Amino acid sequence: MVRLAVLACLLAPLSLSAADPVKIGTLSAEPPKEWKAEKTANRLRSHQFKIPSGEEGVPDAELIVSPLSKKAEVMFPGWKAQFAPSDGKTLEDVAKESKAEVGGATLHTLDVHGTWTFKERPFDPKSKEEVKPDYRAIWVIVTEKDEATSVRFSGPEKVIEKHKKEFDAFLKALK
């Protein structure tokens, strides 16, 4: 399974137009027109998009798609741990998990917000750590049989909230 995931990444396009369908496992959906397709930052990503904030000085959001070889139960605790909740809140207050069925696949979702301690390459000790206050990340692990794909929608909380409906519609359109 891991070899298939790596092979899929190597064969995936390095960039595409926003009109091209996004493949997630055997499913696909058209991305919203506002999403700007980018060259992937690394070969582990099959798709990468910038979602515009629309505000000067406010960073854009990002959506990335990557094959995954681990289950939500394994991945979610580590992803949650990258966030520190705002004062007076616990991680359980700011992290919500859910599960849904779409197009014959199961979508395991983790939606978390707070101060994100972000590393581009989390397992590389040389990767620079960035502290991003008031950020939100929505991770969706799409599972079909023995295959899994990770979708991460992340950025400033207000930008994620602004584009959440179109993100949800994109996931629901997977066929």
N, C-alpha and C. Protein backbone atom coordinates (compact mmCIF):
# COMPACT_ATOMS: atom_id res chain seq x y z
N MET A 1 0.83 -1.19 0.00
CA MET A 1 0.00 0.00 0.00
C MET A 1 0.87 1.26 0.00
N VAL A 2 1.94 1.28 0.81
CA VAL A 2 2.82 2.44 0.87
C VAL A 2 3.48 2.66 -0.50
N ARG A 3 3.90 1.57 -1.14
CA ARG A 3 4.52 1.69 -2.46
C ARG A 3 3.55 2.30 -3.47
N LEU A 4 2.28 1.89 -3.39
CA LEU A 4 1.28 2.47 -4.29
C LEU A 4 1.12 3.96 -4.04
N ALA A 5 1.13 4.35 -2.76
CA ALA A 5 0.97 5.75 -2.41
C ALA A 5 2.15 6.56 -2.94
N VAL A 6 3.37 6.04 -2.77
CA VAL A 6 4.55 6.74 -3.26
C VAL A 6 4.52 6.82 -4.78
N LEU A 7 4.15 5.73 -5.43
CA LEU A 7 4.05 5.71 -6.89
C LEU A 7 3.02 6.73 -7.38
N ALA A 8 1.91 6.82 -6.69
CA ALA A 8 0.87 7.79 -7.07
C ALA A 8 1.40 9.21 -6.98
N CYS A 9 2.20 9.49 -5.96
CA CYS A 9 2.77 10.83 -5.81
C CYS A 9 3.75 11.13 -6.94
N LEU A 10 4.56 10.15 -7.30
CA LEU A 10 5.55 10.36 -8.34
C LEU A 10 4.91 10.57 -9.70
N LEU A 11 3.79 9.89 -9.93
CA LEU A 11 3.11 10.00 -11.21
C LEU A 11 2.13 11.16 -11.27
N ALA A 12 1.78 11.73 -10.12
CA ALA A 12 0.80 12.82 -10.08
C ALA A 12 1.38 14.07 -10.73
N PRO A 13 0.53 14.91 -11.29
CA PRO A 13 1.02 16.14 -11.90
C PRO A 13 1.59 17.07 -10.84
N LEU A 14 2.64 17.81 -11.19
CA LEU A 14 3.23 18.75 -10.25
C LEU A 14 2.39 20.01 -10.13
N SER A 15 1.61 20.31 -11.12
CA SER A 15 0.67 21.43 -11.03
C SER A 15 -0.45 21.18 -12.02
N LEU A 16 -1.56 21.84 -11.80
CA LEU A 16 -2.69 21.68 -12.68
C LEU A 16 -3.52 22.93 -12.61
N SER A 17 -4.44 23.07 -13.53
CA SER A 17 -5.29 24.24 -13.49
C SER A 17 -6.42 23.98 -12.50
N ALA A 18 -7.01 25.04 -11.99
CA ALA A 18 -8.08 24.89 -11.00
C ALA A 18 -9.28 24.17 -11.59
N ALA A 19 -9.39 24.10 -12.91
CA ALA A 19 -10.54 23.44 -13.54
C ALA A 19 -10.37 21.92 -13.59
N ASP A 20 -9.13 21.43 -13.45
CA ASP A 20 -8.89 19.98 -13.48
C ASP A 20 -9.44 19.33 -12.22
N PRO A 21 -10.06 18.17 -12.35
CA PRO A 21 -10.56 17.48 -11.16
C PRO A 21 -9.40 17.07 -10.24
N VAL A 22 -9.67 17.09 -8.97
CA VAL A 22 -8.69 16.67 -7.98
C VAL A 22 -8.98 15.23 -7.63
N LYS A 23 -7.98 14.36 -7.82
CA LYS A 23 -8.14 12.94 -7.49
C LYS A 23 -7.77 12.72 -6.04
N ILE A 24 -8.67 12.06 -5.34
CA ILE A 24 -8.45 11.66 -3.95
C ILE A 24 -8.77 10.18 -3.90
N GLY A 25 -7.72 9.36 -3.92
CA GLY A 25 -7.94 7.93 -4.05
C GLY A 25 -8.56 7.65 -5.40
N THR A 26 -9.65 6.88 -5.43
CA THR A 26 -10.34 6.61 -6.69
C THR A 26 -11.43 7.64 -6.97
N LEU A 27 -11.64 8.56 -6.04
CA LEU A 27 -12.67 9.59 -6.19
C LEU A 27 -12.07 10.86 -6.80
N SER A 28 -12.93 11.73 -7.27
CA SER A 28 -12.45 13.03 -7.74
C SER A 28 -13.58 14.05 -7.63
N ALA A 29 -13.18 15.32 -7.63
CA ALA A 29 -14.13 16.43 -7.59
C ALA A 29 -13.46 17.65 -8.20
N GLU A 30 -14.27 18.52 -8.75
CA GLU A 30 -13.77 19.78 -9.31
C GLU A 30 -13.52 20.76 -8.16
N PRO A 31 -12.35 21.39 -8.12
CA PRO A 31 -12.10 22.39 -7.08
C PRO A 31 -12.86 23.68 -7.39
N PRO A 32 -13.21 24.45 -6.37
CA PRO A 32 -13.85 25.74 -6.62
C PRO A 32 -12.95 26.65 -7.47
N LYS A 33 -13.56 27.49 -8.26
CA LYS A 33 -12.81 28.36 -9.17
C LYS A 33 -11.87 29.32 -8.43
N GLU A 34 -12.21 29.70 -7.20
CA GLU A 34 -11.37 30.61 -6.43
C GLU A 34 -10.04 29.99 -6.02
N TRP A 35 -9.98 28.67 -5.94
CA TRP A 35 -8.75 28.00 -5.53
C TRP A 35 -7.73 28.10 -6.64
N LYS A 36 -6.52 28.49 -6.30
CA LYS A 36 -5.46 28.64 -7.29
C LYS A 36 -4.50 27.46 -7.18
N ALA A 37 -4.49 26.63 -8.24
CA ALA A 37 -3.60 25.47 -8.25
C ALA A 37 -2.15 25.95 -8.27
N GLU A 38 -1.30 25.25 -7.53
CA GLU A 38 0.11 25.57 -7.45
C GLU A 38 0.96 24.33 -7.74
N LYS A 39 2.20 24.57 -8.08
CA LYS A 39 3.15 23.46 -8.16
C LYS A 39 3.29 22.92 -6.74
N THR A 40 3.26 21.62 -6.60
CA THR A 40 3.36 21.02 -5.27
C THR A 40 4.73 21.32 -4.66
N ALA A 41 4.74 21.54 -3.35
CA ALA A 41 5.97 21.89 -2.64
C ALA A 41 6.93 20.71 -2.53
N ASN A 42 6.37 19.49 -2.62
CA ASN A 42 7.22 18.30 -2.58
C ASN A 42 6.50 17.15 -3.26
N ARG A 43 7.22 16.07 -3.47
CA ARG A 43 6.66 14.93 -4.21
C ARG A 43 5.69 14.10 -3.40
N LEU A 44 5.56 14.37 -2.12
CA LEU A 44 4.58 13.65 -1.31
C LEU A 44 3.18 14.22 -1.49
N ARG A 45 3.09 15.37 -2.12
CA ARG A 45 1.79 16.01 -2.37
C ARG A 45 1.35 15.72 -3.79
N SER A 46 0.08 15.35 -3.94
CA SER A 46 -0.43 15.16 -5.29
C SER A 46 -1.11 16.41 -5.82
N HIS A 47 -1.63 17.26 -4.93
CA HIS A 47 -2.28 18.51 -5.31
C HIS A 47 -2.01 19.55 -4.25
N GLN A 48 -1.97 20.80 -4.68
CA GLN A 48 -1.77 21.91 -3.75
C GLN A 48 -2.47 23.15 -4.29
N PHE A 49 -3.19 23.85 -3.42
CA PHE A 49 -3.93 25.05 -3.81
C PHE A 49 -3.72 26.15 -2.79
N LYS A 50 -3.74 27.40 -3.27
CA LYS A 50 -3.83 28.58 -2.41
C LYS A 50 -5.27 29.04 -2.50
N ILE A 51 -5.84 29.34 -1.33
CA ILE A 51 -7.20 29.86 -1.28
C ILE A 51 -7.08 31.29 -0.76
N PRO A 52 -7.42 32.28 -1.58
CA PRO A 52 -7.14 33.67 -1.25
C PRO A 52 -7.90 34.18 -0.02
N SER A 53 -7.16 34.94 0.79
CA SER A 53 -7.78 35.54 1.97
C SER A 53 -8.67 36.70 1.57
N GLY A 54 -8.29 37.40 0.50
CA GLY A 54 -9.06 38.57 0.06
C GLY A 54 -8.78 39.81 0.88
N GLU A 55 -7.84 39.71 1.84
CA GLU A 55 -7.51 40.85 2.68
C GLU A 55 -6.01 41.09 2.65
N GLU A 56 -5.63 42.34 2.45
CA GLU A 56 -4.22 42.68 2.45
C GLU A 56 -3.62 42.41 3.83
N GLY A 57 -2.47 41.80 3.85
CA GLY A 57 -1.79 41.52 5.11
C GLY A 57 -2.24 40.25 5.81
N VAL A 58 -3.26 39.60 5.27
CA VAL A 58 -3.75 38.35 5.86
C VAL A 58 -3.31 37.21 4.94
N PRO A 59 -2.56 36.24 5.48
CA PRO A 59 -2.10 35.15 4.62
C PRO A 59 -3.25 34.37 4.00
N ASP A 60 -2.99 33.80 2.82
CA ASP A 60 -3.95 32.93 2.17
C ASP A 60 -4.01 31.60 2.91
N ALA A 61 -5.07 30.86 2.67
CA ALA A 61 -5.18 29.49 3.18
C ALA A 61 -4.53 28.56 2.16
N GLU A 62 -4.33 27.32 2.57
CA GLU A 62 -3.71 26.32 1.70
C GLU A 62 -4.50 25.03 1.79
N LEU A 63 -4.59 24.35 0.66
CA LEU A 63 -5.18 23.01 0.65
C LEU A 63 -4.17 22.09 -0.02
N ILE A 64 -3.85 20.99 0.68
CA ILE A 64 -2.92 20.01 0.11
C ILE A 64 -3.55 18.62 0.18
N VAL A 65 -3.21 17.80 -0.80
CA VAL A 65 -3.68 16.42 -0.87
C VAL A 65 -2.45 15.53 -0.95
N SER A 66 -2.40 14.52 -0.07
CA SER A 66 -1.26 13.60 -0.03
C SER A 66 -1.74 12.19 0.27
N PRO A 67 -1.13 11.19 -0.37
CA PRO A 67 -1.43 9.80 0.02
C PRO A 67 -0.98 9.59 1.46
N LEU A 68 -1.62 8.65 2.12
CA LEU A 68 -1.33 8.41 3.53
C LEU A 68 -1.37 6.92 3.78
N SER A 69 -0.52 6.45 4.67
CA SER A 69 -0.50 5.01 4.95
C SER A 69 -0.99 4.69 6.36
N LYS A 70 -1.39 5.71 7.12
CA LYS A 70 -1.83 5.48 8.49
C LYS A 70 -3.28 5.90 8.67
N LYS A 71 -3.90 5.36 9.71
CA LYS A 71 -5.31 5.64 9.99
C LYS A 71 -5.47 6.90 10.83
N ALA A 72 -6.71 7.41 10.85
CA ALA A 72 -7.02 8.61 11.62
C ALA A 72 -6.64 8.46 13.09
N GLU A 73 -6.91 7.29 13.66
CA GLU A 73 -6.61 7.07 15.08
C GLU A 73 -5.12 7.25 15.38
N VAL A 74 -4.29 7.00 14.38
CA VAL A 74 -2.84 7.15 14.54
C VAL A 74 -2.42 8.59 14.29
N MET A 75 -2.98 9.22 13.27
CA MET A 75 -2.54 10.55 12.84
C MET A 75 -3.12 11.70 13.67
N PHE A 76 -4.40 11.60 14.03
CA PHE A 76 -5.07 12.73 14.68
C PHE A 76 -4.40 13.19 15.98
N PRO A 77 -3.97 12.31 16.89
CA PRO A 77 -3.34 12.80 18.12
C PRO A 77 -2.11 13.67 17.86
N GLY A 78 -1.28 13.29 16.91
CA GLY A 78 -0.09 14.09 16.59
C GLY A 78 -0.44 15.42 15.96
N TRP A 79 -1.45 15.41 15.10
CA TRP A 79 -1.86 16.67 14.48
C TRP A 79 -2.48 17.61 15.51
N LYS A 80 -3.29 17.06 16.41
CA LYS A 80 -3.88 17.90 17.47
C LYS A 80 -2.79 18.54 18.33
N ALA A 81 -1.75 17.76 18.62
CA ALA A 81 -0.68 18.22 19.51
C ALA A 81 0.10 19.40 18.92
N GLN A 82 -0.05 19.68 17.63
CA GLN A 82 0.62 20.82 17.02
C GLN A 82 -0.06 22.14 17.38
N PHE A 83 -1.23 22.07 18.02
CA PHE A 83 -2.00 23.26 18.36
C PHE A 83 -2.04 23.50 19.87
N ALA A 84 -1.94 24.77 20.24
CA ALA A 84 -2.15 25.18 21.63
C ALA A 84 -3.44 25.99 21.66
N PRO A 85 -4.39 25.60 22.51
CA PRO A 85 -5.65 26.35 22.56
C PRO A 85 -5.45 27.73 23.19
N SER A 86 -6.39 28.62 22.90
CA SER A 86 -6.34 29.95 23.50
C SER A 86 -6.61 29.84 25.00
N ASP A 87 -6.32 30.92 25.70
CA ASP A 87 -6.43 30.93 27.17
C ASP A 87 -7.77 30.41 27.67
N GLY A 88 -7.69 29.58 28.68
CA GLY A 88 -8.90 29.07 29.31
C GLY A 88 -9.55 27.90 28.61
N LYS A 89 -9.00 27.47 27.49
CA LYS A 89 -9.59 26.36 26.74
C LYS A 89 -8.65 25.17 26.77
N THR A 90 -9.23 24.00 26.56
CA THR A 90 -8.43 22.78 26.46
C THR A 90 -8.37 22.37 25.00
N LEU A 91 -7.49 21.45 24.70
CA LEU A 91 -7.39 20.93 23.34
C LEU A 91 -8.70 20.28 22.92
N GLU A 92 -9.38 19.64 23.87
CA GLU A 92 -10.68 19.02 23.56
C GLU A 92 -11.73 20.08 23.20
N ASP A 93 -11.59 21.30 23.75
CA ASP A 93 -12.52 22.39 23.43
C ASP A 93 -12.35 22.88 21.99
N VAL A 94 -11.11 22.81 21.48
CA VAL A 94 -10.82 23.43 20.18
C VAL A 94 -10.59 22.42 19.05
N ALA A 95 -10.68 21.13 19.37
CA ALA A 95 -10.48 20.09 18.36
C ALA A 95 -11.72 19.23 18.28
N LYS A 96 -12.30 19.16 17.10
CA LYS A 96 -13.51 18.37 16.89
C LYS A 96 -13.24 17.29 15.85
N GLU A 97 -13.65 16.07 16.16
CA GLU A 97 -13.52 14.96 15.22
C GLU A 97 -14.90 14.51 14.77
N SER A 98 -14.99 14.12 13.49
CA SER A 98 -16.26 13.61 12.97
C SER A 98 -15.96 12.60 11.87
N LYS A 99 -17.01 11.92 11.44
CA LYS A 99 -16.88 10.90 10.41
C LYS A 99 -18.11 10.97 9.52
N ALA A 100 -17.92 10.80 8.21
CA ALA A 100 -19.03 10.83 7.25
C ALA A 100 -18.71 9.89 6.10
N GLU A 101 -19.74 9.54 5.35
CA GLU A 101 -19.59 8.68 4.17
C GLU A 101 -19.89 9.53 2.93
N VAL A 102 -19.00 9.44 1.93
CA VAL A 102 -19.18 10.15 0.67
C VAL A 102 -18.65 9.29 -0.45
N GLY A 103 -19.45 9.05 -1.47
CA GLY A 103 -19.00 8.33 -2.65
C GLY A 103 -18.40 6.97 -2.38
N GLY A 104 -18.87 6.29 -1.35
CA GLY A 104 -18.33 4.98 -1.01
C GLY A 104 -17.07 5.03 -0.15
N ALA A 105 -16.64 6.21 0.22
CA ALA A 105 -15.45 6.38 1.07
C ALA A 105 -15.88 6.91 2.44
N THR A 106 -15.02 6.70 3.42
CA THR A 106 -15.24 7.27 4.75
C THR A 106 -14.33 8.47 4.92
N LEU A 107 -14.91 9.58 5.36
CA LEU A 107 -14.15 10.80 5.62
C LEU A 107 -14.03 10.96 7.13
N HIS A 108 -12.80 10.87 7.62
CA HIS A 108 -12.50 11.09 9.04
C HIS A 108 -11.97 12.52 9.13
N THR A 109 -12.63 13.38 9.90
CA THR A 109 -12.27 14.80 9.92
C THR A 109 -11.82 15.24 11.31
N LEU A 110 -10.73 16.00 11.32
CA LEU A 110 -10.23 16.68 12.52
C LEU A 110 -10.21 18.16 12.19
N ASP A 111 -10.94 18.96 12.97
CA ASP A 111 -11.01 20.41 12.80
C ASP A 111 -10.49 21.02 14.09
N VAL A 112 -9.35 21.71 14.01
CA VAL A 112 -8.71 22.24 15.23
C VAL A 112 -8.24 23.68 14.98
N HIS A 113 -8.30 24.50 16.03
CA HIS A 113 -7.86 25.89 15.90
C HIS A 113 -7.14 26.34 17.16
N GLY A 114 -6.36 27.40 17.01
CA GLY A 114 -5.56 27.94 18.12
C GLY A 114 -4.23 28.42 17.57
N THR A 115 -3.19 28.29 18.36
CA THR A 115 -1.85 28.64 17.92
C THR A 115 -1.18 27.38 17.39
N TRP A 116 -0.83 27.42 16.12
CA TRP A 116 -0.28 26.25 15.44
C TRP A 116 1.24 26.34 15.43
N THR A 117 1.89 25.32 15.98
CA THR A 117 3.34 25.19 15.86
C THR A 117 3.56 24.33 14.63
N PHE A 118 3.90 25.00 13.55
CA PHE A 118 3.94 24.38 12.22
C PHE A 118 5.37 24.10 11.79
N LYS A 119 5.57 22.91 11.22
CA LYS A 119 6.84 22.57 10.57
C LYS A 119 6.49 22.00 9.19
N GLU A 120 7.10 22.54 8.16
CA GLU A 120 6.84 22.06 6.80
C GLU A 120 7.12 20.57 6.68
N ARG A 121 8.21 20.13 7.28
CA ARG A 121 8.56 18.71 7.30
C ARG A 121 8.62 18.27 8.76
N PRO A 122 7.51 17.81 9.33
CA PRO A 122 7.43 17.56 10.77
C PRO A 122 8.46 16.59 11.34
N PHE A 123 8.94 15.65 10.53
CA PHE A 123 9.87 14.66 11.06
C PHE A 123 11.33 15.00 10.77
N ASP A 124 11.57 16.15 10.16
CA ASP A 124 12.93 16.59 9.84
C ASP A 124 13.40 17.55 10.93
N PRO A 125 14.40 17.17 11.73
CA PRO A 125 14.85 18.06 12.82
C PRO A 125 15.41 19.39 12.32
N LYS A 126 15.78 19.47 11.04
CA LYS A 126 16.30 20.72 10.48
C LYS A 126 15.20 21.63 9.94
N SER A 127 13.97 21.12 9.88
CA SER A 127 12.85 21.91 9.37
C SER A 127 12.53 23.04 10.35
N LYS A 128 12.42 24.24 9.83
CA LYS A 128 12.15 25.42 10.65
C LYS A 128 10.74 25.35 11.24
N GLU A 129 10.64 25.70 12.50
CA GLU A 129 9.35 25.71 13.20
C GLU A 129 8.78 27.14 13.14
N GLU A 130 7.49 27.24 12.81
CA GLU A 130 6.82 28.54 12.77
C GLU A 130 5.65 28.51 13.75
N VAL A 131 5.48 29.57 14.51
CA VAL A 131 4.34 29.68 15.42
C VAL A 131 3.32 30.60 14.75
N LYS A 132 2.11 30.04 14.53
CA LYS A 132 1.06 30.75 13.80
C LYS A 132 -0.16 30.92 14.69
N PRO A 133 -0.30 32.08 15.34
CA PRO A 133 -1.48 32.30 16.18
C PRO A 133 -2.75 32.45 15.36
N ASP A 134 -3.88 32.09 15.98
CA ASP A 134 -5.20 32.24 15.36
C ASP A 134 -5.29 31.50 14.02
N TYR A 135 -4.78 30.29 14.01
CA TYR A 135 -4.83 29.43 12.82
C TYR A 135 -5.82 28.30 13.02
N ARG A 136 -6.23 27.74 11.91
CA ARG A 136 -7.16 26.61 11.93
C ARG A 136 -6.72 25.62 10.86
N ALA A 137 -6.80 24.35 11.18
CA ALA A 137 -6.51 23.31 10.20
C ALA A 137 -7.63 22.29 10.25
N ILE A 138 -8.08 21.91 9.08
CA ILE A 138 -9.07 20.84 8.95
C ILE A 138 -8.39 19.74 8.16
N TRP A 139 -8.14 18.62 8.84
CA TRP A 139 -7.56 17.45 8.19
C TRP A 139 -8.68 16.46 7.92
N VAL A 140 -8.70 15.95 6.71
CA VAL A 140 -9.67 14.92 6.34
C VAL A 140 -8.88 13.74 5.81
N ILE A 141 -9.09 12.58 6.42
CA ILE A 141 -8.49 11.37 5.90
C ILE A 141 -9.61 10.61 5.19
N VAL A 142 -9.44 10.48 3.88
CA VAL A 142 -10.42 9.80 3.03
C VAL A 142 -9.95 8.36 2.89
N THR A 143 -10.76 7.42 3.40
CA THR A 143 -10.37 6.01 3.33
C THR A 143 -11.32 5.24 2.42
N GLU A 144 -10.72 4.42 1.57
CA GLU A 144 -11.43 3.51 0.69
C GLU A 144 -10.72 2.17 0.80
N LYS A 145 -11.41 1.17 1.29
CA LYS A 145 -10.81 -0.15 1.49
C LYS A 145 -9.51 0.01 2.27
N ASP A 146 -8.36 -0.35 1.67
CA ASP A 146 -7.08 -0.25 2.37
C ASP A 146 -6.29 1.00 2.00
N GLU A 147 -6.86 1.88 1.23
CA GLU A 147 -6.16 3.09 0.79
C GLU A 147 -6.64 4.30 1.60
N ALA A 148 -5.72 5.25 1.82
CA ALA A 148 -6.08 6.48 2.53
C ALA A 148 -5.38 7.66 1.88
N THR A 149 -6.07 8.79 1.88
CA THR A 149 -5.53 10.04 1.35
C THR A 149 -5.83 11.14 2.36
N SER A 150 -4.85 11.99 2.59
CA SER A 150 -4.99 13.10 3.52
C SER A 150 -5.27 14.39 2.75
N VAL A 151 -6.24 15.14 3.24
CA VAL A 151 -6.54 16.47 2.71
C VAL A 151 -6.40 17.43 3.88
N ARG A 152 -5.52 18.43 3.74
CA ARG A 152 -5.36 19.43 4.81
C ARG A 152 -5.74 20.80 4.27
N PHE A 153 -6.71 21.42 4.93
CA PHE A 153 -7.17 22.77 4.61
C PHE A 153 -6.76 23.63 5.79
N SER A 154 -5.79 24.53 5.61
CA SER A 154 -5.24 25.26 6.75
C SER A 154 -4.98 26.72 6.40
N GLY A 155 -5.03 27.56 7.45
CA GLY A 155 -4.75 28.98 7.28
C GLY A 155 -5.29 29.75 8.46
N PRO A 156 -5.25 31.08 8.37
CA PRO A 156 -5.83 31.90 9.43
C PRO A 156 -7.30 31.51 9.65
N GLU A 157 -7.71 31.50 10.92
CA GLU A 157 -9.08 31.07 11.26
C GLU A 157 -10.14 31.76 10.42
N LYS A 158 -10.02 33.09 10.25
CA LYS A 158 -11.08 33.81 9.53
C LYS A 158 -11.09 33.47 8.04
N VAL A 159 -9.95 33.10 7.48
CA VAL A 159 -9.91 32.71 6.07
C VAL A 159 -10.52 31.32 5.89
N ILE A 160 -10.22 30.42 6.81
CA ILE A 160 -10.81 29.08 6.75
C ILE A 160 -12.33 29.18 6.91
N GLU A 161 -12.78 29.98 7.84
CA GLU A 161 -14.23 30.14 8.04
C GLU A 161 -14.89 30.71 6.79
N LYS A 162 -14.24 31.68 6.15
CA LYS A 162 -14.78 32.31 4.94
C LYS A 162 -14.97 31.28 3.81
N HIS A 163 -14.07 30.28 3.72
CA HIS A 163 -14.11 29.32 2.62
C HIS A 163 -14.59 27.92 3.04
N LYS A 164 -15.07 27.78 4.26
CA LYS A 164 -15.47 26.46 4.78
C LYS A 164 -16.61 25.85 3.97
N LYS A 165 -17.61 26.63 3.59
CA LYS A 165 -18.74 26.08 2.83
C LYS A 165 -18.30 25.50 1.49
N GLU A 166 -17.40 26.20 0.80
CA GLU A 166 -16.93 25.67 -0.49
C GLU A 166 -16.04 24.44 -0.29
N PHE A 167 -15.28 24.39 0.80
CA PHE A 167 -14.49 23.20 1.13
C PHE A 167 -15.42 22.01 1.39
N ASP A 168 -16.46 22.24 2.19
CA ASP A 168 -17.42 21.17 2.48
C ASP A 168 -18.11 20.70 1.20
N ALA A 169 -18.48 21.63 0.33
CA ALA A 169 -19.13 21.27 -0.93
C ALA A 169 -18.18 20.46 -1.82
N PHE A 170 -16.91 20.83 -1.82
CA PHE A 170 -15.91 20.08 -2.58
C PHE A 170 -15.86 18.63 -2.09
N LEU A 171 -15.81 18.43 -0.77
CA LEU A 171 -15.76 17.07 -0.22
C LEU A 171 -17.02 16.28 -0.55
N LYS A 172 -18.18 16.93 -0.43
CA LYS A 172 -19.44 16.25 -0.73
C LYS A 172 -19.58 15.88 -2.20
N ALA A 173 -18.86 16.59 -3.07
CA ALA A 173 -18.93 16.32 -4.51
C ALA A 173 -18.04 15.14 -4.94
N LEU A 174 -17.24 14.61 -4.03
CA LEU A 174 -16.37 13.49 -4.40
C LEU A 174 -17.19 12.32 -4.91
N LYS A 175 -16.81 11.81 -6.09
CA LYS A 175 -17.51 10.67 -6.70
C LYS A 175 -16.49 9.74 -7.31
